[in-house]
Amino acid sequence: MVTADAARNVVGIIGNVISFGLFLSPVPTFYRIIKKKTVEEFKPDPYIATVLNCLFWCLYGMPFVHPDSLLVVTINGVGLVLELAYLAVFFIYAQSKGRKKVAFGLGFDVVLFVAIAAISLTALHGTKKRSLMVGIVCDIFNIIMYGSPLTIMAKVIKTKSVKYMPFYLSLTNFLNGCCWTAYALIKFDIYMLVSNGLGAVSGAIQLILYAAYCKSTPKDDDDFAGKPTTEVQLSNTNAAAAASV
């Protein structure tokens, strides 16, 4: 008979694989940046935000904060390394203004993370109290980050086109949210449930919108031709961070 812990581990491993794929989604963008040796109109903001999100979820998964959450640490640790690599590429090819934005953004991330970690580890005793504080912080940032896909959905409704919302990305986001929601339910974790439940709902809405507007999407949409996929990429990165918990 399969135990709850074994089932949770299997679901968590599947979630890690899906989340890893989402974290890799910006690779084409940064290949383009390296090839052209310019960041064009791309912004570092979503990657800076994702770094902070990964840091907080790594802290949340530590044994002294929330025991038995190794899979949360592994995927967010991998995500953290990838996001820092993306930012390194951005820093190399950005102009002075862009480099300052990356430096100040990462500096802010470090200061805020150290402050939350110091308070939770020194002022709070026991994993329940630490999980409460760090979990609430993680959920707050995840909910904020869900604002990005909402802008994409609004554009789909306005333009009656799914040009900016690729089907496979929406499907992956939905499956990822469902997977981590199941992970949170097997061994009940309210903080992971809130974040990933929202992720699953967001993914489901995207799929519904895709079904509603895919036929009305022009095959050759000149309005989108030649424009960098900044909005798509921002959605990809935030979805990865928000769902890979």
C-alpha atoms as a PDB file:
ATOM      1  CA  MET A   1       0.000   0.000   0.000  1.00  0.00           C
ATOM      2  CA  VAL A   2       1.327   3.430  -0.934  1.00  0.00           C
ATOM      3  CA  THR A   3       1.832   5.673   2.078  1.00  0.00           C
ATOM      4  CA  ALA A   4       0.933   9.365   2.159  1.00  0.00           C
ATOM      5  CA  ASP A   5       4.612  10.318   2.385  1.00  0.00           C
ATOM      6  CA  ALA A   6       5.498   8.203  -0.640  1.00  0.00           C
ATOM      7  CA  ALA A   7       2.630   9.662  -2.669  1.00  0.00           C
ATOM      8  CA  ARG A   8       3.642  13.171  -1.629  1.00  0.00           C
ATOM      9  CA  ASN A   9       7.226  12.554  -2.730  1.00  0.00           C
ATOM     10  CA  VAL A  10       6.113  11.257  -6.131  1.00  0.00           C
ATOM     11  CA  VAL A  11       3.842  14.255  -6.677  1.00  0.00           C
ATOM     12  CA  GLY A  12       6.606  16.589  -5.494  1.00  0.00           C
ATOM     13  CA  ILE A  13       9.124  15.082  -7.922  1.00  0.00           C
ATOM     14  CA  ILE A  14       6.660  15.507 -10.795  1.00  0.00           C
ATOM     15  CA  GLY A  15       6.121  19.088  -9.647  1.00  0.00           C
ATOM     16  CA  ASN A  16       9.877  19.661  -9.623  1.00  0.00           C
ATOM     17  CA  VAL A  17      10.167  18.457 -13.222  1.00  0.00           C
ATOM     18  CA  ILE A  18       7.319  20.693 -14.438  1.00  0.00           C
ATOM     19  CA  SER A  19       8.599  23.694 -12.481  1.00  0.00           C
ATOM     20  CA  PHE A  20      12.084  23.161 -13.880  1.00  0.00           C
ATOM     21  CA  GLY A  21      10.641  23.407 -17.359  1.00  0.00           C
ATOM     22  CA  LEU A  22       8.947  26.677 -16.446  1.00  0.00           C
ATOM     23  CA  PHE A  23      12.183  28.068 -15.017  1.00  0.00           C
ATOM     24  CA  LEU A  24      13.873  27.234 -18.330  1.00  0.00           C
ATOM     25  CA  SER A  25      11.227  29.101 -20.347  1.00  0.00           C
ATOM     26  CA  PRO A  26      13.239  32.378 -20.514  1.00  0.00           C
ATOM     27  CA  VAL A  27      16.205  30.619 -22.186  1.00  0.00           C
ATOM     28  CA  PRO A  28      15.152  31.630 -25.742  1.00  0.00           C
ATOM     29  CA  THR A  29      14.944  35.246 -24.629  1.00  0.00           C
ATOM     30  CA  PHE A  30      18.450  35.264 -23.210  1.00  0.00           C
ATOM     31  CA  TYR A  31      19.816  33.354 -26.187  1.00  0.00           C
ATOM     32  CA  ARG A  32      18.431  36.186 -28.281  1.00  0.00           C
ATOM     33  CA  ILE A  33      20.076  38.766 -25.996  1.00  0.00           C
ATOM     34  CA  ILE A  34      23.459  37.023 -26.242  1.00  0.00           C
ATOM     35  CA  LYS A  35      23.144  36.643 -30.001  1.00  0.00           C
ATOM     36  CA  LYS A  36      22.227  40.308 -30.563  1.00  0.00           C
ATOM     37  CA  LYS A  37      24.436  41.578 -27.707  1.00  0.00           C
ATOM     38  CA  THR A  38      21.648  43.850 -26.506  1.00  0.00           C
ATOM     39  CA  VAL A  39      18.730  43.527 -24.076  1.00  0.00           C
ATOM     40  CA  GLU A  40      16.427  45.455 -26.451  1.00  0.00           C
ATOM     41  CA  GLU A  41      13.173  46.280 -24.627  1.00  0.00           C
ATOM     42  CA  PHE A  42      13.357  43.443 -22.128  1.00  0.00           C
ATOM     43  CA  LYS A  43      13.224  44.386 -18.450  1.00  0.00           C
ATOM     44  CA  PRO A  44      14.995  42.717 -15.487  1.00  0.00           C
ATOM     45  CA  ASP A  45      12.076  43.276 -13.089  1.00  0.00           C
ATOM     46  CA  PRO A  46      10.420  39.823 -13.313  1.00  0.00           C
ATOM     47  CA  TYR A  47      13.753  38.054 -12.814  1.00  0.00           C
ATOM     48  CA  ILE A  48      14.664  40.229  -9.822  1.00  0.00           C
ATOM     49  CA  ALA A  49      11.252  39.488  -8.309  1.00  0.00           C
ATOM     50  CA  THR A  50      11.675  35.776  -8.950  1.00  0.00           C
ATOM     51  CA  VAL A  51      15.052  35.755  -7.179  1.00  0.00           C
ATOM     52  CA  LEU A  52      13.401  37.112  -4.034  1.00  0.00           C
ATOM     53  CA  ASN A  53      10.541  34.640  -4.324  1.00  0.00           C
ATOM     54  CA  CYS A  54      12.935  31.699  -4.673  1.00  0.00           C
ATOM     55  CA  LEU A  55      14.964  32.911  -1.684  1.00  0.00           C
ATOM     56  CA  PHE A  56      11.877  33.037   0.519  1.00  0.00           C
ATOM     57  CA  TRP A  57      10.654  29.596  -0.549  1.00  0.00           C
ATOM     58  CA  CYS A  58      14.113  28.128   0.034  1.00  0.00           C
ATOM     59  CA  LEU A  59      13.963  29.574   3.546  1.00  0.00           C
ATOM     60  CA  TYR A  60      10.451  28.219   4.015  1.00  0.00           C
ATOM     61  CA  GLY A  61      11.548  24.704   3.071  1.00  0.00           C
ATOM     62  CA  MET A  62      14.438  24.567   5.525  1.00  0.00           C
ATOM     63  CA  PRO A  63      14.089  21.988   8.343  1.00  0.00           C
ATOM     64  CA  PHE A  64      14.266  24.692  11.016  1.00  0.00           C
ATOM     65  CA  VAL A  65      11.343  26.561   9.424  1.00  0.00           C
ATOM     66  CA  HIS A  66       9.100  23.931   7.826  1.00  0.00           C
ATOM     67  CA  PRO A  67      10.332  20.321   8.173  1.00  0.00           C
ATOM     68  CA  ASP A  68       9.892  17.661   5.456  1.00  0.00           C
ATOM     69  CA  SER A  69       9.998  20.152   2.585  1.00  0.00           C
ATOM     70  CA  LEU A  70      13.190  19.114   0.797  1.00  0.00           C
ATOM     71  CA  LEU A  71      11.519  19.156  -2.632  1.00  0.00           C
ATOM     72  CA  VAL A  72      10.488  22.772  -2.079  1.00  0.00           C
ATOM     73  CA  VAL A  73      14.122  23.695  -1.417  1.00  0.00           C
ATOM     74  CA  THR A  74      15.528  21.752  -4.378  1.00  0.00           C
ATOM     75  CA  ILE A  75      13.361  23.292  -7.096  1.00  0.00           C
ATOM     76  CA  ASN A  76      13.575  26.823  -5.727  1.00  0.00           C
ATOM     77  CA  GLY A  77      17.325  26.428  -5.280  1.00  0.00           C
ATOM     78  CA  VAL A  78      17.611  25.461  -8.942  1.00  0.00           C
ATOM     79  CA  GLY A  79      15.305  28.329  -9.881  1.00  0.00           C
ATOM     80  CA  LEU A  80      17.439  30.762  -7.896  1.00  0.00           C
ATOM     81  CA  VAL A  81      20.599  29.699  -9.753  1.00  0.00           C
ATOM     82  CA  LEU A  82      18.865  30.016 -13.137  1.00  0.00           C
ATOM     83  CA  GLU A  83      17.401  33.444 -12.367  1.00  0.00           C
ATOM     84  CA  LEU A  84      20.795  34.733 -11.226  1.00  0.00           C
ATOM     85  CA  ALA A  85      22.294  33.410 -14.465  1.00  0.00           C
ATOM     86  CA  TYR A  86      19.647  35.268 -16.485  1.00  0.00           C
ATOM     87  CA  LEU A  87      20.371  38.460 -14.572  1.00  0.00           C
ATOM     88  CA  ALA A  88      24.109  38.015 -15.136  1.00  0.00           C
ATOM     89  CA  VAL A  89      23.497  37.870 -18.899  1.00  0.00           C
ATOM     90  CA  PHE A  90      21.205  40.892 -18.667  1.00  0.00           C
ATOM     91  CA  PHE A  91      23.840  42.803 -16.672  1.00  0.00           C
ATOM     92  CA  ILE A  92      26.548  42.064 -19.244  1.00  0.00           C
ATOM     93  CA  TYR A  93      24.554  43.297 -22.242  1.00  0.00           C
ATOM     94  CA  ALA A  94      22.515  46.097 -20.619  1.00  0.00           C
ATOM     95  CA  GLN A  95      23.318  49.793 -20.687  1.00  0.00           C
ATOM     96  CA  SER A  96      24.391  51.634 -17.540  1.00  0.00           C
ATOM     97  CA  LYS A  97      20.785  52.312 -16.482  1.00  0.00           C
ATOM     98  CA  GLY A  98      19.862  48.647 -16.813  1.00  0.00           C
ATOM     99  CA  ARG A  99      22.908  47.519 -14.862  1.00  0.00           C
ATOM    100  CA  LYS A 100      22.082  49.906 -12.018  1.00  0.00           C
ATOM    101  CA  LYS A 101      18.539  48.547 -11.930  1.00  0.00           C
ATOM    102  CA  VAL A 102      19.826  44.977 -11.592  1.00  0.00           C
ATOM    103  CA  ALA A 103      22.325  45.970  -8.884  1.00  0.00           C
ATOM    104  CA  PHE A 104      19.778  47.950  -6.839  1.00  0.00           C
ATOM    105  CA  GLY A 105      17.117  45.271  -7.330  1.00  0.00           C
ATOM    106  CA  LEU A 106      19.348  42.460  -6.094  1.00  0.00           C
ATOM    107  CA  GLY A 107      20.533  44.648  -3.239  1.00  0.00           C
ATOM    108  CA  PHE A 108      16.923  45.187  -2.191  1.00  0.00           C
ATOM    109  CA  ASP A 109      16.285  41.433  -2.431  1.00  0.00           C
ATOM    110  CA  VAL A 110      19.218  40.641  -0.164  1.00  0.00           C
ATOM    111  CA  VAL A 111      18.332  43.287   2.446  1.00  0.00           C
ATOM    112  CA  LEU A 112      14.671  42.222   2.634  1.00  0.00           C
ATOM    113  CA  PHE A 113      15.510  38.512   2.719  1.00  0.00           C
ATOM    114  CA  VAL A 114      18.117  38.947   5.464  1.00  0.00           C
ATOM    115  CA  ALA A 115      15.669  41.037   7.514  1.00  0.00           C
ATOM    116  CA  ILE A 116      12.852  38.463   7.285  1.00  0.00           C
ATOM    117  CA  ALA A 117      15.238  35.564   7.914  1.00  0.00           C
ATOM    118  CA  ALA A 118      16.799  37.289  10.931  1.00  0.00           C
ATOM    119  CA  ILE A 119      13.422  38.098  12.494  1.00  0.00           C
ATOM    120  CA  SER A 120      11.984  34.625  11.921  1.00  0.00           C
ATOM    121  CA  LEU A 121      15.059  32.781  13.206  1.00  0.00           C
ATOM    122  CA  THR A 122      15.869  34.960  16.211  1.00  0.00           C
ATOM    123  CA  ALA A 123      12.556  36.372  17.431  1.00  0.00           C
ATOM    124  CA  LEU A 124      10.405  33.318  16.709  1.00  0.00           C
ATOM    125  CA  HIS A 125      10.930  29.944  18.336  1.00  0.00           C
ATOM    126  CA  GLY A 126       9.620  26.696  16.912  1.00  0.00           C
ATOM    127  CA  THR A 127       8.819  25.663  13.369  1.00  0.00           C
ATOM    128  CA  LYS A 128       5.106  26.514  13.625  1.00  0.00           C
ATOM    129  CA  LYS A 129       5.716  30.199  14.338  1.00  0.00           C
ATOM    130  CA  ARG A 130       8.501  30.418  11.753  1.00  0.00           C
ATOM    131  CA  SER A 131       6.380  28.664   9.132  1.00  0.00           C
ATOM    132  CA  LEU A 132       3.562  31.096   9.841  1.00  0.00           C
ATOM    133  CA  MET A 133       5.671  34.203   9.281  1.00  0.00           C
ATOM    134  CA  VAL A 134       7.720  32.999   6.309  1.00  0.00           C
ATOM    135  CA  GLY A 135       4.713  31.262   4.724  1.00  0.00           C
ATOM    136  CA  ILE A 136       2.623  34.443   4.849  1.00  0.00           C
ATOM    137  CA  VAL A 137       5.468  36.438   3.287  1.00  0.00           C
ATOM    138  CA  CYS A 138       5.820  33.834   0.511  1.00  0.00           C
ATOM    139  CA  ASP A 139       2.098  33.888  -0.205  1.00  0.00           C
ATOM    140  CA  ILE A 140       1.983  37.700  -0.296  1.00  0.00           C
ATOM    141  CA  PHE A 141       4.735  37.846  -2.931  1.00  0.00           C
ATOM    142  CA  ASN A 142       3.180  35.022  -4.943  1.00  0.00           C
ATOM    143  CA  ILE A 143      -0.223  36.713  -4.999  1.00  0.00           C
ATOM    144  CA  ILE A 144       1.413  39.954  -6.151  1.00  0.00           C
ATOM    145  CA  MET A 145       3.227  38.081  -8.898  1.00  0.00           C
ATOM    146  CA  TYR A 146      -0.044  36.612 -10.179  1.00  0.00           C
ATOM    147  CA  GLY A 147      -0.841  40.133 -11.399  1.00  0.00           C
ATOM    148  CA  SER A 148       1.301  39.519 -14.482  1.00  0.00           C
ATOM    149  CA  PRO A 149      -0.746  36.668 -16.007  1.00  0.00           C
ATOM    150  CA  LEU A 150      -3.885  38.699 -15.299  1.00  0.00           C
ATOM    151  CA  THR A 151      -2.631  41.451 -17.618  1.00  0.00           C
ATOM    152  CA  ILE A 152      -2.060  38.851 -20.335  1.00  0.00           C
ATOM    153  CA  MET A 153      -5.594  37.512 -19.866  1.00  0.00           C
ATOM    154  CA  ALA A 154      -7.012  41.028 -20.121  1.00  0.00           C
ATOM    155  CA  LYS A 155      -5.128  41.518 -23.409  1.00  0.00           C
ATOM    156  CA  VAL A 156      -6.555  38.246 -24.755  1.00  0.00           C
ATOM    157  CA  ILE A 157     -10.114  39.381 -23.986  1.00  0.00           C
ATOM    158  CA  LYS A 158      -9.513  42.867 -25.415  1.00  0.00           C
ATOM    159  CA  THR A 159      -7.863  41.729 -28.648  1.00  0.00           C
ATOM    160  CA  LYS A 160      -9.773  38.440 -28.970  1.00  0.00           C
ATOM    161  CA  SER A 161      -6.382  36.907 -29.740  1.00  0.00           C
ATOM    162  CA  VAL A 162      -4.281  34.359 -27.862  1.00  0.00           C
ATOM    163  CA  LYS A 163      -1.078  35.555 -29.555  1.00  0.00           C
ATOM    164  CA  TYR A 164       0.458  36.508 -26.202  1.00  0.00           C
ATOM    165  CA  MET A 165      -0.752  33.381 -24.382  1.00  0.00           C
ATOM    166  CA  PRO A 166       0.759  30.189 -25.850  1.00  0.00           C
ATOM    167  CA  PHE A 167      -1.347  27.091 -25.251  1.00  0.00           C
ATOM    168  CA  TYR A 168       1.425  24.821 -23.963  1.00  0.00           C
ATOM    169  CA  LEU A 169       2.581  27.434 -21.461  1.00  0.00           C
ATOM    170  CA  SER A 170      -0.966  27.837 -20.138  1.00  0.00           C
ATOM    171  CA  LEU A 171      -1.379  24.062 -19.948  1.00  0.00           C
ATOM    172  CA  THR A 172       1.929  23.650 -18.132  1.00  0.00           C
ATOM    173  CA  ASN A 173       1.011  26.384 -15.656  1.00  0.00           C
ATOM    174  CA  PHE A 174      -2.295  24.641 -14.964  1.00  0.00           C
ATOM    175  CA  LEU A 175      -0.706  21.206 -14.488  1.00  0.00           C
ATOM    176  CA  ASN A 176       2.010  22.699 -12.295  1.00  0.00           C
ATOM    177  CA  GLY A 177      -0.522  24.435 -10.068  1.00  0.00           C
ATOM    178  CA  CYS A 178      -2.598  21.249  -9.789  1.00  0.00           C
ATOM    179  CA  CYS A 179       0.465  19.142  -8.996  1.00  0.00           C
ATOM    180  CA  TRP A 180       1.672  21.378  -6.173  1.00  0.00           C
ATOM    181  CA  THR A 181      -1.876  21.799  -4.869  1.00  0.00           C
ATOM    182  CA  ALA A 182      -2.084  18.017  -4.552  1.00  0.00           C
ATOM    183  CA  TYR A 183       1.318  18.046  -2.836  1.00  0.00           C
ATOM    184  CA  ALA A 184      -0.005  20.581  -0.305  1.00  0.00           C
ATOM    185  CA  LEU A 185      -3.176  18.586   0.328  1.00  0.00           C
ATOM    186  CA  ILE A 186      -1.534  15.183   0.893  1.00  0.00           C
ATOM    187  CA  LYS A 187       0.275  16.550   3.931  1.00  0.00           C
ATOM    188  CA  PHE A 188      -1.769  19.664   4.558  1.00  0.00           C
ATOM    189  CA  ASP A 189       0.198  22.867   4.059  1.00  0.00           C
ATOM    190  CA  ILE A 190      -2.030  25.939   3.975  1.00  0.00           C
ATOM    191  CA  TYR A 191       0.674  28.291   2.658  1.00  0.00           C
ATOM    192  CA  MET A 192       1.553  26.128  -0.340  1.00  0.00           C
ATOM    193  CA  LEU A 193      -2.138  25.418  -0.899  1.00  0.00           C
ATOM    194  CA  VAL A 194      -3.046  29.114  -1.157  1.00  0.00           C
ATOM    195  CA  SER A 195      -0.282  29.893  -3.681  1.00  0.00           C
ATOM    196  CA  ASN A 196      -0.706  26.854  -5.871  1.00  0.00           C
ATOM    197  CA  GLY A 197      -4.482  26.790  -5.630  1.00  0.00           C
ATOM    198  CA  LEU A 198      -4.436  30.283  -7.145  1.00  0.00           C
ATOM    199  CA  GLY A 199      -1.950  29.042  -9.742  1.00  0.00           C
ATOM    200  CA  ALA A 200      -4.234  26.176 -10.744  1.00  0.00           C
ATOM    201  CA  VAL A 201      -7.236  28.520 -11.014  1.00  0.00           C
ATOM    202  CA  SER A 202      -5.191  31.008 -13.048  1.00  0.00           C
ATOM    203  CA  GLY A 203      -4.059  28.237 -15.405  1.00  0.00           C
ATOM    204  CA  ALA A 204      -7.614  26.959 -15.780  1.00  0.00           C
ATOM    205  CA  ILE A 205      -8.877  30.443 -16.698  1.00  0.00           C
ATOM    206  CA  GLN A 206      -6.097  30.780 -19.269  1.00  0.00           C
ATOM    207  CA  LEU A 207      -7.126  27.481 -20.875  1.00  0.00           C
ATOM    208  CA  ILE A 208     -10.768  28.568 -20.953  1.00  0.00           C
ATOM    209  CA  LEU A 209      -9.781  31.850 -22.607  1.00  0.00           C
ATOM    210  CA  TYR A 210      -7.628  29.962 -25.087  1.00  0.00           C
ATOM    211  CA  ALA A 211     -10.553  27.732 -26.026  1.00  0.00           C
ATOM    212  CA  ALA A 212     -12.803  30.780 -26.382  1.00  0.00           C
ATOM    213  CA  TYR A 213     -10.473  32.905 -28.534  1.00  0.00           C
ATOM    214  CA  CYS A 214      -8.125  30.530 -30.368  1.00  0.00           C
ATOM    215  CA  LYS A 215     -10.358  30.469 -33.471  1.00  0.00           C
ATOM    216  CA  SER A 216     -10.598  34.260 -33.591  1.00  0.00           C
ATOM    217  CA  THR A 217      -6.803  34.722 -33.430  1.00  0.00           C
ATOM    218  CA  PRO A 218      -5.445  35.976 -36.779  1.00  0.00           C
ATOM    219  CA  LYS A 219      -2.880  33.620 -38.254  1.00  0.00           C
ATOM    220  CA  ASP A 220      -0.718  36.527 -39.381  1.00  0.00           C
ATOM    221  CA  ASP A 221      -1.155  39.284 -36.816  1.00  0.00           C
ATOM    222  CA  ASP A 222       0.849  42.290 -37.981  1.00  0.00           C
ATOM    223  CA  ASP A 223       0.173  44.115 -34.742  1.00  0.00           C
ATOM    224  CA  PHE A 224       2.468  41.709 -32.948  1.00  0.00           C
ATOM    225  CA  ALA A 225       5.070  41.212 -35.647  1.00  0.00           C
ATOM    226  CA  GLY A 226       8.600  42.139 -34.713  1.00  0.00           C
ATOM    227  CA  LYS A 227       7.798  43.053 -31.115  1.00  0.00           C
ATOM    228  CA  PRO A 228       9.777  41.449 -28.280  1.00  0.00           C
ATOM    229  CA  THR A 229       7.701  39.028 -26.230  1.00  0.00           C
ATOM    230  CA  THR A 230       8.292  40.902 -23.005  1.00  0.00           C
ATOM    231  CA  GLU A 231       4.800  40.253 -21.648  1.00  0.00           C
ATOM    232  CA  VAL A 232       4.936  36.551 -22.425  1.00  0.00           C
ATOM    233  CA  GLN A 233       8.341  36.218 -20.820  1.00  0.00           C
ATOM    234  CA  LEU A 234       7.272  38.090 -17.710  1.00  0.00           C
ATOM    235  CA  SER A 235       4.320  35.766 -17.371  1.00  0.00           C
ATOM    236  CA  ASN A 236       6.543  32.706 -17.814  1.00  0.00           C
ATOM    237  CA  THR A 237       9.001  33.667 -15.124  1.00  0.00           C
ATOM    238  CA  ASN A 238       6.461  34.736 -12.555  1.00  0.00           C
ATOM    239  CA  ALA A 239       4.380  31.644 -13.127  1.00  0.00           C
ATOM    240  CA  ALA A 240       7.413  29.487 -12.497  1.00  0.00           C
ATOM    241  CA  ALA A 241       8.229  31.184  -9.240  1.00  0.00           C
ATOM    242  CA  ALA A 242       4.687  31.283  -8.031  1.00  0.00           C
ATOM    243  CA  ALA A 243       3.919  27.683  -8.865  1.00  0.00           C
ATOM    244  CA  SER A 244       7.214  25.988  -7.996  1.00  0.00           C
ATOM    245  CA  VAL A 245       6.674  25.972  -4.273  1.00  0.00           C
END
